[in-house]
Amino acid sequence: MNRGGIGPGIGHETPEAPETPAAPARVKLEIAVQDAAGARTAFAAGADRVELCQALSATGGLTPSAATIDAVLQTAENPQRVAVLVRPRPGGFVYDADEIALVTADVREAVRRGAGGIVIGAMTTDGRVDIDAMRRWMDAAGDAEVEFHRAIDIAPDPVAVIDQLIELGVRRVLTSGGAERSIDGLGLIAALVERSAGAVEVMPGGGVRVQDIRCLVEAGADAVHLSARASSSDTSPSGPGGGSAGFDVTDGAIVAAARTAVDRALAAPTRPEQPPRPAAAG
């Protein structure tokens, strides 16, 4: 495409200016938080949504307490801004009947308390989505949005998982593209975006740094997820039974930088390859 009045040569008509493309949709910024203080910090710094969990750094996230859900919902004011992770234990994503029943009850309780979104995921031993478990949990979620978490990253064929999630009616999927860090799974993330064709929102997450965000947005991400964690200033001893000293907090500066990076990535013009300029007339 010829931009900006670079004509094809002297004596030729200047081609008509291309139509202005529609403004891109806002890419949502989701921050993983563990308490109301973290949610307040995230929203004040520009987050669109929080994923609420507990034990994030130690386990990757587990189901938060009912009181924590209440406190974060009060902070958010809009329930659609809170997605509650429901995960009964650390480790893999193949669950037995007791665990499936527990998640069902926890999903129902989180929605009853007002959560606008639920984050869940279950797999079979052969790496496919556990359809029966997911249907039970989605029934319990009712009208709340359902997000499938990074269980997709252990699947031998994540693209096939997207097809299953579309069939189930899942709203979005969190993925690192199967890599430790999302930037290293960029190729698969782009493939999942293409496969979903908008039927499921694809949200990269996992080791995301602010400088990675533009590439993730350019790959077609509908949202970007990061934890924006920093160590607290707490120095009180935890003793022999309290685990490691200190705890994680949400860093507002990282959230704000992430918001800026998302918005700049959306505002950046697409730069198609330009044809060579014609030689000047002699």
C-alpha atoms as a PDB file:
ATOM      1  CA  MET A   1       0.000   0.000   0.000  1.00  0.00           C
ATOM      2  CA  ASN A   2       1.327   3.458  -0.946  1.00  0.00           C
ATOM      3  CA  ARG A   3       1.192   5.874   2.003  1.00  0.00           C
ATOM      4  CA  GLY A   4       1.563   9.570   2.541  1.00  0.00           C
ATOM      5  CA  GLY A   5       1.777  10.956  -0.999  1.00  0.00           C
ATOM      6  CA  ILE A   6       4.806   8.984  -2.212  1.00  0.00           C
ATOM      7  CA  GLY A   7       3.763   9.002  -5.845  1.00  0.00           C
ATOM      8  CA  PRO A   8       4.630   6.365  -8.426  1.00  0.00           C
ATOM      9  CA  GLY A   9       6.609   8.933 -10.452  1.00  0.00           C
ATOM     10  CA  ILE A  10       6.458  12.328 -12.132  1.00  0.00           C
ATOM     11  CA  GLY A  11       3.516  12.747 -14.472  1.00  0.00           C
ATOM     12  CA  HIS A  12       1.334  10.164 -12.735  1.00  0.00           C
ATOM     13  CA  GLU A  13      -1.738  10.840 -10.666  1.00  0.00           C
ATOM     14  CA  THR A  14      -1.335  10.555  -6.939  1.00  0.00           C
ATOM     15  CA  PRO A  15      -3.340   7.506  -5.828  1.00  0.00           C
ATOM     16  CA  GLU A  16      -6.275   8.009  -3.514  1.00  0.00           C
ATOM     17  CA  ALA A  17      -5.474   7.870   0.184  1.00  0.00           C
ATOM     18  CA  PRO A  18      -6.352   4.516   1.764  1.00  0.00           C
ATOM     19  CA  GLU A  19      -9.324   4.384   4.064  1.00  0.00           C
ATOM     20  CA  THR A  20      -8.503   4.983   7.707  1.00  0.00           C
ATOM     21  CA  PRO A  21      -8.641   1.629   9.498  1.00  0.00           C
ATOM     22  CA  ALA A  22     -11.077   1.233  12.359  1.00  0.00           C
ATOM     23  CA  ALA A  23      -9.592   1.863  15.778  1.00  0.00           C
ATOM     24  CA  PRO A  24      -8.471  -1.416  17.384  1.00  0.00           C
ATOM     25  CA  ALA A  25     -10.527  -2.785  20.238  1.00  0.00           C
ATOM     26  CA  ARG A  26      -9.140  -2.187  23.710  1.00  0.00           C
ATOM     27  CA  VAL A  27      -6.888  -5.003  24.855  1.00  0.00           C
ATOM     28  CA  LYS A  28      -7.737  -5.761  28.468  1.00  0.00           C
ATOM     29  CA  LEU A  29      -5.101  -5.788  31.183  1.00  0.00           C
ATOM     30  CA  GLU A  30      -5.640  -8.466  33.825  1.00  0.00           C
ATOM     31  CA  ILE A  31      -3.558  -8.569  36.997  1.00  0.00           C
ATOM     32  CA  ALA A  32      -3.306 -11.583  39.303  1.00  0.00           C
ATOM     33  CA  VAL A  33      -3.879 -10.442  42.902  1.00  0.00           C
ATOM     34  CA  GLN A  34      -4.236 -12.145  46.258  1.00  0.00           C
ATOM     35  CA  ASP A  35      -6.137  -9.629  48.367  1.00  0.00           C
ATOM     36  CA  ALA A  36      -8.178  -6.431  48.390  1.00  0.00           C
ATOM     37  CA  ALA A  37      -5.078  -4.268  48.752  1.00  0.00           C
ATOM     38  CA  GLY A  38      -3.654  -5.782  45.582  1.00  0.00           C
ATOM     39  CA  ALA A  39      -6.933  -5.234  43.757  1.00  0.00           C
ATOM     40  CA  ARG A  40      -7.067  -1.574  44.828  1.00  0.00           C
ATOM     41  CA  THR A  41      -3.510  -1.054  43.621  1.00  0.00           C
ATOM     42  CA  ALA A  42      -4.181  -2.795  40.313  1.00  0.00           C
ATOM     43  CA  PHE A  43      -7.354  -0.869  39.520  1.00  0.00           C
ATOM     44  CA  ALA A  44      -5.827   2.480  40.517  1.00  0.00           C
ATOM     45  CA  ALA A  45      -2.915   1.833  38.137  1.00  0.00           C
ATOM     46  CA  GLY A  46      -5.086   0.960  35.152  1.00  0.00           C
ATOM     47  CA  ALA A  47      -6.014  -2.724  35.311  1.00  0.00           C
ATOM     48  CA  ASP A  48      -9.294  -3.671  33.654  1.00  0.00           C
ATOM     49  CA  ARG A  49      -9.757  -6.884  35.599  1.00  0.00           C
ATOM     50  CA  VAL A  50      -8.123  -8.914  38.351  1.00  0.00           C
ATOM     51  CA  GLU A  51      -7.766 -12.634  38.736  1.00  0.00           C
ATOM     52  CA  LEU A  52      -8.141 -13.397  42.432  1.00  0.00           C
ATOM     53  CA  CYS A  53      -6.262 -16.332  43.936  1.00  0.00           C
ATOM     54  CA  GLN A  54      -4.048 -17.203  46.888  1.00  0.00           C
ATOM     55  CA  ALA A  55      -0.605 -18.805  47.292  1.00  0.00           C
ATOM     56  CA  LEU A  56       0.363 -17.476  43.873  1.00  0.00           C
ATOM     57  CA  SER A  57       4.155 -17.622  43.972  1.00  0.00           C
ATOM     58  CA  ALA A  58       4.299 -20.929  45.865  1.00  0.00           C
ATOM     59  CA  THR A  59       1.707 -22.879  43.853  1.00  0.00           C
ATOM     60  CA  GLY A  60       0.680 -20.891  40.778  1.00  0.00           C
ATOM     61  CA  GLY A  61      -2.575 -19.986  42.520  1.00  0.00           C
ATOM     62  CA  LEU A  62      -5.297 -21.691  44.562  1.00  0.00           C
ATOM     63  CA  THR A  63      -8.919 -20.927  45.478  1.00  0.00           C
ATOM     64  CA  PRO A  64      -9.146 -17.807  47.687  1.00  0.00           C
ATOM     65  CA  SER A  65     -11.234 -17.637  50.843  1.00  0.00           C
ATOM     66  CA  ALA A  66     -14.859 -16.508  50.791  1.00  0.00           C
ATOM     67  CA  ALA A  67     -14.019 -13.406  52.839  1.00  0.00           C
ATOM     68  CA  THR A  68     -11.262 -12.457  50.399  1.00  0.00           C
ATOM     69  CA  ILE A  69     -13.716 -12.777  47.501  1.00  0.00           C
ATOM     70  CA  ASP A  70     -16.127 -10.459  49.328  1.00  0.00           C
ATOM     71  CA  ALA A  71     -13.430  -7.875  50.036  1.00  0.00           C
ATOM     72  CA  VAL A  72     -12.153  -7.799  46.454  1.00  0.00           C
ATOM     73  CA  LEU A  73     -15.661  -7.570  44.997  1.00  0.00           C
ATOM     74  CA  GLN A  74     -16.338  -4.598  47.254  1.00  0.00           C
ATOM     75  CA  THR A  75     -13.129  -2.969  46.036  1.00  0.00           C
ATOM     76  CA  ALA A  76     -13.906  -3.652  42.370  1.00  0.00           C
ATOM     77  CA  GLU A  77     -17.492  -2.357  42.576  1.00  0.00           C
ATOM     78  CA  ASN A  78     -18.216  -3.999  39.188  1.00  0.00           C
ATOM     79  CA  PRO A  79     -18.318  -7.838  39.459  1.00  0.00           C
ATOM     80  CA  GLN A  80     -17.173  -8.208  35.836  1.00  0.00           C
ATOM     81  CA  ARG A  81     -13.811  -6.867  36.952  1.00  0.00           C
ATOM     82  CA  VAL A  82     -13.163  -9.890  39.180  1.00  0.00           C
ATOM     83  CA  ALA A  83     -12.371 -13.409  37.959  1.00  0.00           C
ATOM     84  CA  VAL A  84     -11.963 -15.905  40.800  1.00  0.00           C
ATOM     85  CA  LEU A  85      -9.551 -18.792  40.354  1.00  0.00           C
ATOM     86  CA  VAL A  86     -11.019 -22.069  41.586  1.00  0.00           C
ATOM     87  CA  ARG A  87      -8.249 -24.639  41.928  1.00  0.00           C
ATOM     88  CA  PRO A  88      -8.391 -27.044  44.871  1.00  0.00           C
ATOM     89  CA  ARG A  89      -4.710 -27.940  45.184  1.00  0.00           C
ATOM     90  CA  PRO A  90      -1.281 -27.489  43.595  1.00  0.00           C
ATOM     91  CA  GLY A  91       0.055 -29.896  41.006  1.00  0.00           C
ATOM     92  CA  GLY A  92      -1.533 -31.260  37.872  1.00  0.00           C
ATOM     93  CA  PHE A  93      -4.984 -30.726  36.440  1.00  0.00           C
ATOM     94  CA  VAL A  94      -6.395 -34.266  36.439  1.00  0.00           C
ATOM     95  CA  TYR A  95      -8.998 -34.402  39.200  1.00  0.00           C
ATOM     96  CA  ASP A  96     -10.834 -37.214  40.958  1.00  0.00           C
ATOM     97  CA  ALA A  97     -14.546 -37.266  41.798  1.00  0.00           C
ATOM     98  CA  ASP A  98     -14.086 -35.653  45.239  1.00  0.00           C
ATOM     99  CA  GLU A  99     -12.051 -32.805  43.799  1.00  0.00           C
ATOM    100  CA  ILE A 100     -14.529 -32.220  40.985  1.00  0.00           C
ATOM    101  CA  ALA A 101     -17.337 -32.008  43.530  1.00  0.00           C
ATOM    102  CA  LEU A 102     -15.297 -29.578  45.657  1.00  0.00           C
ATOM    103  CA  VAL A 103     -14.598 -27.288  42.683  1.00  0.00           C
ATOM    104  CA  THR A 104     -18.279 -27.405  41.743  1.00  0.00           C
ATOM    105  CA  ALA A 105     -19.236 -26.212  45.214  1.00  0.00           C
ATOM    106  CA  ASP A 106     -16.530 -23.518  45.254  1.00  0.00           C
ATOM    107  CA  VAL A 107     -17.575 -22.198  41.837  1.00  0.00           C
ATOM    108  CA  ARG A 108     -21.200 -22.027  42.930  1.00  0.00           C
ATOM    109  CA  GLU A 109     -20.213 -20.190  46.129  1.00  0.00           C
ATOM    110  CA  ALA A 110     -17.978 -17.660  44.362  1.00  0.00           C
ATOM    111  CA  VAL A 111     -20.775 -16.827  41.913  1.00  0.00           C
ATOM    112  CA  ARG A 112     -23.311 -16.630  44.746  1.00  0.00           C
ATOM    113  CA  ARG A 113     -21.085 -14.045  46.378  1.00  0.00           C
ATOM    114  CA  GLY A 114     -21.130 -12.002  43.191  1.00  0.00           C
ATOM    115  CA  ALA A 115     -18.035 -12.939  41.174  1.00  0.00           C
ATOM    116  CA  GLY A 116     -18.497 -12.008  37.533  1.00  0.00           C
ATOM    117  CA  GLY A 117     -15.898 -14.469  36.285  1.00  0.00           C
ATOM    118  CA  ILE A 118     -14.566 -17.903  37.177  1.00  0.00           C
ATOM    119  CA  VAL A 119     -11.169 -19.355  36.230  1.00  0.00           C
ATOM    120  CA  ILE A 120     -11.087 -23.146  35.995  1.00  0.00           C
ATOM    121  CA  GLY A 121      -9.497 -25.987  34.062  1.00  0.00           C
ATOM    122  CA  ALA A 122      -9.373 -29.776  34.071  1.00  0.00           C
ATOM    123  CA  MET A 123      -7.601 -32.259  31.833  1.00  0.00           C
ATOM    124  CA  THR A 124      -7.754 -35.983  31.186  1.00  0.00           C
ATOM    125  CA  THR A 125      -4.738 -38.232  31.497  1.00  0.00           C
ATOM    126  CA  ASP A 126      -4.262 -38.136  27.713  1.00  0.00           C
ATOM    127  CA  GLY A 127      -4.028 -34.345  27.641  1.00  0.00           C
ATOM    128  CA  ARG A 128      -7.502 -33.442  26.490  1.00  0.00           C
ATOM    129  CA  VAL A 129     -10.027 -31.220  28.241  1.00  0.00           C
ATOM    130  CA  ASP A 130     -12.074 -33.079  30.852  1.00  0.00           C
ATOM    131  CA  ILE A 131     -15.412 -32.281  29.251  1.00  0.00           C
ATOM    132  CA  ASP A 132     -17.533 -33.826  32.003  1.00  0.00           C
ATOM    133  CA  ALA A 133     -15.813 -31.853  34.773  1.00  0.00           C
ATOM    134  CA  MET A 134     -15.915 -28.631  32.765  1.00  0.00           C
ATOM    135  CA  ARG A 135     -19.633 -29.003  32.062  1.00  0.00           C
ATOM    136  CA  ARG A 136     -20.387 -29.476  35.742  1.00  0.00           C
ATOM    137  CA  TRP A 137     -18.345 -26.420  36.656  1.00  0.00           C
ATOM    138  CA  MET A 138     -19.804 -24.285  33.899  1.00  0.00           C
ATOM    139  CA  ASP A 139     -23.314 -25.242  34.992  1.00  0.00           C
ATOM    140  CA  ALA A 140     -22.364 -24.130  38.513  1.00  0.00           C
ATOM    141  CA  ALA A 141     -20.983 -20.854  37.110  1.00  0.00           C
ATOM    142  CA  GLY A 142     -24.331 -19.944  35.590  1.00  0.00           C
ATOM    143  CA  ASP A 143     -24.088 -16.562  33.852  1.00  0.00           C
ATOM    144  CA  ALA A 144     -20.569 -15.781  35.072  1.00  0.00           C
ATOM    145  CA  GLU A 145     -17.827 -15.636  32.441  1.00  0.00           C
ATOM    146  CA  VAL A 146     -15.656 -18.743  32.362  1.00  0.00           C
ATOM    147  CA  GLU A 147     -11.934 -18.615  31.706  1.00  0.00           C
ATOM    148  CA  PHE A 148      -9.855 -21.751  31.094  1.00  0.00           C
ATOM    149  CA  HIS A 149      -6.489 -21.424  32.818  1.00  0.00           C
ATOM    150  CA  ARG A 150      -3.008 -22.552  31.859  1.00  0.00           C
ATOM    151  CA  ALA A 151      -3.915 -26.223  31.966  1.00  0.00           C
ATOM    152  CA  ILE A 152      -3.947 -25.760  28.179  1.00  0.00           C
ATOM    153  CA  ASP A 153      -0.162 -25.409  28.322  1.00  0.00           C
ATOM    154  CA  ILE A 154       0.308 -29.085  29.211  1.00  0.00           C
ATOM    155  CA  ALA A 155      -1.790 -30.313  26.277  1.00  0.00           C
ATOM    156  CA  PRO A 156       0.036 -32.142  23.478  1.00  0.00           C
ATOM    157  CA  ASP A 157      -2.248 -30.375  20.976  1.00  0.00           C
ATOM    158  CA  PRO A 158      -3.300 -26.968  22.333  1.00  0.00           C
ATOM    159  CA  VAL A 159      -4.974 -26.032  19.048  1.00  0.00           C
ATOM    160  CA  ALA A 160      -7.352 -28.974  19.450  1.00  0.00           C
ATOM    161  CA  VAL A 161      -8.062 -27.773  22.997  1.00  0.00           C
ATOM    162  CA  ILE A 162      -9.255 -24.455  21.533  1.00  0.00           C
ATOM    163  CA  ASP A 163     -11.843 -26.395  19.510  1.00  0.00           C
ATOM    164  CA  GLN A 164     -13.059 -28.103  22.695  1.00  0.00           C
ATOM    165  CA  LEU A 165     -13.285 -24.790  24.556  1.00  0.00           C
ATOM    166  CA  ILE A 166     -15.304 -23.242  21.733  1.00  0.00           C
ATOM    167  CA  GLU A 167     -17.712 -26.168  21.876  1.00  0.00           C
ATOM    168  CA  LEU A 168     -18.070 -25.757  25.644  1.00  0.00           C
ATOM    169  CA  GLY A 169     -18.723 -22.012  25.384  1.00  0.00           C
ATOM    170  CA  VAL A 170     -15.687 -20.864  27.374  1.00  0.00           C
ATOM    171  CA  ARG A 171     -15.166 -17.082  27.190  1.00  0.00           C
ATOM    172  CA  ARG A 172     -11.366 -16.877  27.314  1.00  0.00           C
ATOM    173  CA  VAL A 173      -8.223 -18.940  27.736  1.00  0.00           C
ATOM    174  CA  LEU A 174      -5.040 -18.057  29.618  1.00  0.00           C
ATOM    175  CA  THR A 175      -1.905 -19.438  28.001  1.00  0.00           C
ATOM    176  CA  SER A 176       1.841 -18.973  27.821  1.00  0.00           C
ATOM    177  CA  GLY A 177       1.900 -20.746  24.487  1.00  0.00           C
ATOM    178  CA  GLY A 178       3.270 -23.824  26.246  1.00  0.00           C
ATOM    179  CA  ALA A 179       6.460 -22.011  27.256  1.00  0.00           C
ATOM    180  CA  GLU A 180       7.829 -20.953  30.621  1.00  0.00           C
ATOM    181  CA  ARG A 181       7.404 -17.352  29.509  1.00  0.00           C
ATOM    182  CA  SER A 182       4.725 -16.127  27.134  1.00  0.00           C
ATOM    183  CA  ILE A 183       7.162 -14.278  24.892  1.00  0.00           C
ATOM    184  CA  ASP A 184       8.812 -17.626  24.138  1.00  0.00           C
ATOM    185  CA  GLY A 185       5.446 -19.146  23.176  1.00  0.00           C
ATOM    186  CA  LEU A 186       4.563 -16.356  20.769  1.00  0.00           C
ATOM    187  CA  GLY A 187       4.212 -18.623  17.734  1.00  0.00           C
ATOM    188  CA  LEU A 188       1.683 -20.899  19.422  1.00  0.00           C
ATOM    189  CA  ILE A 189      -0.190 -17.938  20.892  1.00  0.00           C
ATOM    190  CA  ALA A 190      -0.609 -16.524  17.386  1.00  0.00           C
ATOM    191  CA  ALA A 191      -1.789 -19.938  16.157  1.00  0.00           C
ATOM    192  CA  LEU A 192      -4.380 -20.117  18.947  1.00  0.00           C
ATOM    193  CA  VAL A 193      -5.625 -16.626  18.066  1.00  0.00           C
ATOM    194  CA  GLU A 194      -6.005 -17.682  14.453  1.00  0.00           C
ATOM    195  CA  ARG A 195      -7.765 -20.920  15.352  1.00  0.00           C
ATOM    196  CA  SER A 196     -10.187 -19.280  17.774  1.00  0.00           C
ATOM    197  CA  ALA A 197     -11.192 -16.642  15.193  1.00  0.00           C
ATOM    198  CA  GLY A 198     -12.687 -14.576  17.995  1.00  0.00           C
ATOM    199  CA  ALA A 199     -14.850 -17.373  19.391  1.00  0.00           C
ATOM    200  CA  VAL A 200     -12.598 -17.609  22.467  1.00  0.00           C
ATOM    201  CA  GLU A 201     -10.507 -14.709  23.764  1.00  0.00           C
ATOM    202  CA  VAL A 202      -6.811 -15.597  23.909  1.00  0.00           C
ATOM    203  CA  MET A 203      -4.973 -14.025  26.861  1.00  0.00           C
ATOM    204  CA  PRO A 204      -1.206 -14.538  27.095  1.00  0.00           C
ATOM    205  CA  GLY A 205       0.098 -14.922  30.625  1.00  0.00           C
ATOM    206  CA  GLY A 206       3.110 -16.444  32.301  1.00  0.00           C
ATOM    207  CA  GLY A 207       6.363 -14.594  32.957  1.00  0.00           C
ATOM    208  CA  VAL A 208       5.101 -11.512  31.114  1.00  0.00           C
ATOM    209  CA  ARG A 209       7.345  -8.470  31.387  1.00  0.00           C
ATOM    210  CA  VAL A 210       6.360  -4.964  30.359  1.00  0.00           C
ATOM    211  CA  GLN A 211       8.749  -5.048  27.403  1.00  0.00           C
ATOM    212  CA  ASP A 212       7.039  -8.204  26.073  1.00  0.00           C
ATOM    213  CA  ILE A 213       3.593  -6.656  25.833  1.00  0.00           C
ATOM    214  CA  ARG A 214       3.831  -5.059  22.402  1.00  0.00           C
ATOM    215  CA  CYS A 215       4.765  -8.394  20.789  1.00  0.00           C
ATOM    216  CA  LEU A 216       1.889 -10.138  22.566  1.00  0.00           C
ATOM    217  CA  VAL A 217      -0.607  -7.516  21.404  1.00  0.00           C
ATOM    218  CA  GLU A 218       0.739  -7.682  17.853  1.00  0.00           C
ATOM    219  CA  ALA A 219       0.251 -11.470  17.955  1.00  0.00           C
ATOM    220  CA  GLY A 220      -3.483 -10.820  18.363  1.00  0.00           C
ATOM    221  CA  ALA A 221      -3.947 -11.060  22.135  1.00  0.00           C
ATOM    222  CA  ASP A 222      -7.389 -10.049  23.372  1.00  0.00           C
ATOM    223  CA  ALA A 223      -5.973  -9.405  26.841  1.00  0.00           C
ATOM    224  CA  VAL A 224      -2.648  -9.601  28.664  1.00  0.00           C
ATOM    225  CA  HIS A 225      -2.213 -11.190  32.096  1.00  0.00           C
ATOM    226  CA  LEU A 226       0.592 -10.642  34.578  1.00  0.00           C
ATOM    227  CA  SER A 227       1.114 -10.713  38.318  1.00  0.00           C
ATOM    228  CA  ALA A 228       3.073  -7.444  38.754  1.00  0.00           C
ATOM    229  CA  ARG A 229       4.428  -8.794  42.024  1.00  0.00           C
ATOM    230  CA  ALA A 230       7.003  -7.235  44.300  1.00  0.00           C
ATOM    231  CA  SER A 231       8.309  -8.313  47.693  1.00  0.00           C
ATOM    232  CA  SER A 232       6.727  -6.682  50.709  1.00  0.00           C
ATOM    233  CA  SER A 233       8.756  -4.652  53.153  1.00  0.00           C
ATOM    234  CA  ASP A 234       7.702  -6.951  55.992  1.00  0.00           C
ATOM    235  CA  THR A 235      10.708  -8.145  57.964  1.00  0.00           C
ATOM    236  CA  SER A 236       8.952  -9.751  60.915  1.00  0.00           C
ATOM    237  CA  PRO A 237      10.168 -13.325  61.566  1.00  0.00           C
ATOM    238  CA  SER A 238       7.959 -16.172  60.394  1.00  0.00           C
ATOM    239  CA  GLY A 239       9.497 -18.677  62.792  1.00  0.00           C
ATOM    240  CA  PRO A 240      10.075 -22.362  62.132  1.00  0.00           C
ATOM    241  CA  GLY A 241       6.434 -22.986  61.224  1.00  0.00           C
ATOM    242  CA  GLY A 242       5.489 -19.926  59.181  1.00  0.00           C
ATOM    243  CA  GLY A 243       7.271 -20.587  55.912  1.00  0.00           C
ATOM    244  CA  SER A 244       9.500 -18.076  54.169  1.00  0.00           C
ATOM    245  CA  ALA A 245       9.687 -14.594  55.625  1.00  0.00           C
ATOM    246  CA  GLY A 246       7.841 -11.792  53.836  1.00  0.00           C
ATOM    247  CA  PHE A 247       5.118 -11.988  51.205  1.00  0.00           C
ATOM    248  CA  ASP A 248       4.267 -10.681  47.758  1.00  0.00           C
ATOM    249  CA  VAL A 249       2.367  -7.458  47.060  1.00  0.00           C
ATOM    250  CA  THR A 250       1.010  -5.916  43.878  1.00  0.00           C
ATOM    251  CA  ASP A 251       3.356  -3.260  42.471  1.00  0.00           C
ATOM    252  CA  GLY A 252       1.369  -0.317  41.107  1.00  0.00           C
ATOM    253  CA  ALA A 253       4.324   0.958  39.099  1.00  0.00           C
ATOM    254  CA  ILE A 254       4.523  -2.311  37.160  1.00  0.00           C
ATOM    255  CA  VAL A 255       0.764  -2.268  36.546  1.00  0.00           C
ATOM    256  CA  ALA A 256       0.892   1.323  35.302  1.00  0.00           C
ATOM    257  CA  ALA A 257       3.815   0.526  32.994  1.00  0.00           C
ATOM    258  CA  ALA A 258       1.911  -2.475  31.651  1.00  0.00           C
ATOM    259  CA  ARG A 259      -1.171  -0.322  30.996  1.00  0.00           C
ATOM    260  CA  THR A 260       0.973   2.176  29.092  1.00  0.00           C
ATOM    261  CA  ALA A 261       2.609  -0.620  27.091  1.00  0.00           C
ATOM    262  CA  VAL A 262      -0.769  -2.077  26.109  1.00  0.00           C
ATOM    263  CA  ASP A 263      -2.134   1.308  25.041  1.00  0.00           C
ATOM    264  CA  ARG A 264       0.998   2.195  23.076  1.00  0.00           C
ATOM    265  CA  ALA A 265       0.925  -1.160  21.302  1.00  0.00           C
ATOM    266  CA  LEU A 266      -2.645  -0.462  20.204  1.00  0.00           C
ATOM    267  CA  ALA A 267      -1.808   3.067  19.088  1.00  0.00           C
ATOM    268  CA  ALA A 268       1.286   2.054  17.122  1.00  0.00           C
ATOM    269  CA  PRO A 269       0.655   2.159  13.374  1.00  0.00           C
ATOM    270  CA  THR A 270       0.938  -0.981  11.341  1.00  0.00           C
ATOM    271  CA  ARG A 271       3.945  -0.567   9.127  1.00  0.00           C
ATOM    272  CA  PRO A 272       3.483  -2.492   5.886  1.00  0.00           C
ATOM    273  CA  GLU A 273       6.524  -3.005   3.743  1.00  0.00           C
ATOM    274  CA  GLN A 274       6.965   0.003   1.465  1.00  0.00           C
ATOM    275  CA  PRO A 275       7.817  -0.392  -2.224  1.00  0.00           C
ATOM    276  CA  PRO A 276      11.138   1.135  -3.282  1.00  0.00           C
ATOM    277  CA  ARG A 277      11.005   4.784  -4.238  1.00  0.00           C
ATOM    278  CA  PRO A 278      11.183   5.463  -7.975  1.00  0.00           C
ATOM    279  CA  ALA A 279      14.388   6.934  -9.280  1.00  0.00           C
ATOM    280  CA  ALA A 280      14.345  10.722  -9.528  1.00  0.00           C
ATOM    281  CA  ALA A 281      13.846  12.167 -13.006  1.00  0.00           C
ATOM    282  CA  GLY A 282      17.124  13.216 -14.588  1.00  0.00           C
END
